[in-house]
Amino acid sequence: MLHPYSLFRRKSLRTISILVTSMTAAFVLGIKTAGDVQPVIDATQADSAIIEGDMNGNGMLDADDAALALQVSLGYVAVTPSMLDADPNHDFHITADDALTILGMIGQLPTKPQVDL
């Protein structure tokens, strides 16, 4: 007579065989698909830091970035993930306010004079 918790009971053998079969299948599929992994970013993007407001990705903040932000906000240019990364206010929407912010960042936006009272 077998012990009630014996590994050689019919139910235990069935469970063990299903476990071994599924582990073998997972291992075989894992080896077959191991080379299908793609990097999230390519090597050129890995070393570059995102400059806030640099919409065209040239590494400089200039009036062209403000113009591009305005074109995106009007729908003339499709937005790209790199543009969203460079969004000055980090709301993931490129608007005319972003273009004004970029102009302010490069110092080409006229500011109101501050009056001391």
Protein backbone atom coordinates (compact mmCIF):
# COMPACT_ATOMS: atom_id res chain seq x y z
CA MET A 1 0.00 0.00 0.00
CA LEU A 2 1.30 3.43 -1.00
CA HIS A 3 1.54 6.32 1.36
CA PRO A 4 -1.18 8.97 0.69
CA TYR A 5 1.48 11.58 -0.14
CA SER A 6 3.61 9.34 -2.34
CA LEU A 7 5.03 10.69 -5.59
CA PHE A 8 4.04 7.50 -7.38
CA ARG A 9 0.29 8.02 -7.18
CA ARG A 10 -1.45 8.35 -10.54
CA LYS A 11 -2.44 11.98 -9.94
CA SER A 12 1.09 12.93 -8.92
CA LEU A 13 2.62 11.20 -11.96
CA ARG A 14 0.21 13.00 -14.28
CA THR A 15 1.04 16.37 -12.67
CA ILE A 16 4.78 15.72 -12.90
CA SER A 17 4.53 14.69 -16.55
CA ILE A 18 2.53 17.85 -17.43
CA LEU A 19 5.06 19.96 -15.55
CA VAL A 20 8.04 18.39 -17.35
CA THR A 21 6.33 18.70 -20.74
CA SER A 22 5.45 22.36 -20.24
CA MET A 23 8.94 23.21 -18.97
CA THR A 24 10.50 21.47 -21.97
CA ALA A 25 8.20 23.31 -24.38
CA ALA A 26 8.96 26.66 -22.71
CA PHE A 27 12.68 25.96 -22.91
CA VAL A 28 12.53 25.01 -26.60
CA LEU A 29 10.41 28.05 -27.47
CA GLY A 30 12.69 30.28 -25.40
CA ILE A 31 15.74 29.13 -27.31
CA LYS A 32 13.96 29.52 -30.63
CA THR A 33 12.89 33.13 -29.89
CA ALA A 34 15.99 34.26 -27.98
CA GLY A 35 17.45 36.05 -30.99
CA ASP A 36 14.24 38.02 -31.69
CA VAL A 37 14.94 40.65 -29.03
CA GLN A 38 15.29 44.18 -30.41
CA PRO A 39 16.89 47.07 -28.51
CA VAL A 40 14.57 49.81 -27.34
CA ILE A 41 16.89 52.56 -28.58
CA ASP A 42 19.74 52.38 -31.03
CA ALA A 43 23.36 53.09 -30.16
CA THR A 44 23.27 56.66 -31.50
CA GLN A 45 20.53 57.61 -29.06
CA ALA A 46 22.07 55.88 -26.06
CA ASP A 47 24.83 58.44 -25.53
CA SER A 48 22.88 61.56 -26.45
CA ALA A 49 21.07 63.58 -23.82
CA ILE A 50 17.75 65.17 -24.70
CA ILE A 51 17.94 68.95 -24.65
CA GLU A 52 14.70 70.45 -23.42
CA GLY A 53 13.11 72.33 -26.33
CA ASP A 54 15.40 70.89 -29.05
CA MET A 55 12.61 69.84 -31.41
CA ASN A 56 14.78 69.12 -34.46
CA GLY A 57 17.39 67.16 -32.50
CA ASN A 58 20.44 69.03 -33.75
CA GLY A 59 21.83 69.50 -30.24
CA MET A 60 21.25 73.27 -30.17
CA LEU A 61 18.34 75.35 -28.95
CA ASP A 62 17.49 77.92 -31.63
CA ALA A 63 14.61 79.63 -33.42
CA ASP A 64 14.25 76.64 -35.76
CA ASP A 65 13.09 74.59 -32.77
CA ALA A 66 10.38 77.15 -31.97
CA ALA A 67 9.29 77.22 -35.62
CA LEU A 68 9.10 73.42 -35.69
CA ALA A 69 7.06 73.37 -32.47
CA LEU A 70 4.64 75.87 -34.01
CA GLN A 71 4.35 73.78 -37.19
CA VAL A 72 3.61 70.69 -35.11
CA SER A 73 1.00 72.55 -33.05
CA LEU A 74 -0.76 73.66 -36.25
CA GLY A 75 -0.70 70.15 -37.70
CA TYR A 76 1.69 70.87 -40.59
CA VAL A 77 4.33 68.46 -39.28
CA ALA A 78 3.72 65.09 -37.63
CA VAL A 79 5.01 64.80 -34.08
CA THR A 80 7.77 62.27 -33.39
CA PRO A 81 8.78 60.56 -30.13
CA SER A 82 11.98 62.61 -29.98
CA MET A 83 9.92 65.81 -30.18
CA LEU A 84 7.77 64.63 -27.29
CA ASP A 85 10.94 63.90 -25.31
CA ALA A 86 12.09 67.48 -25.92
CA ASP A 87 8.72 68.99 -24.90
CA PRO A 88 9.62 71.99 -22.72
CA ASN A 89 6.74 71.63 -20.25
CA HIS A 90 6.69 67.79 -20.31
CA ASP A 91 2.95 67.46 -20.95
CA PHE A 92 3.46 65.33 -24.10
CA HIS A 93 1.54 67.84 -26.24
CA ILE A 94 3.36 70.20 -28.58
CA THR A 95 1.44 73.50 -28.60
CA ALA A 96 2.02 77.16 -29.49
CA ASP A 97 2.85 77.71 -25.81
CA ASP A 98 5.79 75.35 -26.25
CA ALA A 99 7.02 77.46 -29.16
CA LEU A 100 6.81 80.57 -26.98
CA THR A 101 8.61 78.77 -24.17
CA ILE A 102 11.42 77.80 -26.53
CA LEU A 103 11.73 81.39 -27.73
CA GLY A 104 11.91 82.50 -24.12
CA MET A 105 14.57 79.90 -23.38
CA ILE A 106 16.82 81.20 -26.15
CA GLY A 107 16.21 84.81 -25.16
CA GLN A 108 14.43 85.94 -28.30
CA LEU A 109 11.06 86.55 -26.71
CA PRO A 110 10.44 90.11 -25.61
CA THR A 111 9.71 90.27 -21.92
CA LYS A 112 7.74 92.81 -19.94
CA PRO A 113 9.88 95.16 -17.92
CA GLN A 114 9.59 94.57 -14.22
CA VAL A 115 8.59 97.57 -12.19
CA ASP A 116 9.75 97.77 -8.61
CA LEU A 117 7.17 99.30 -6.32
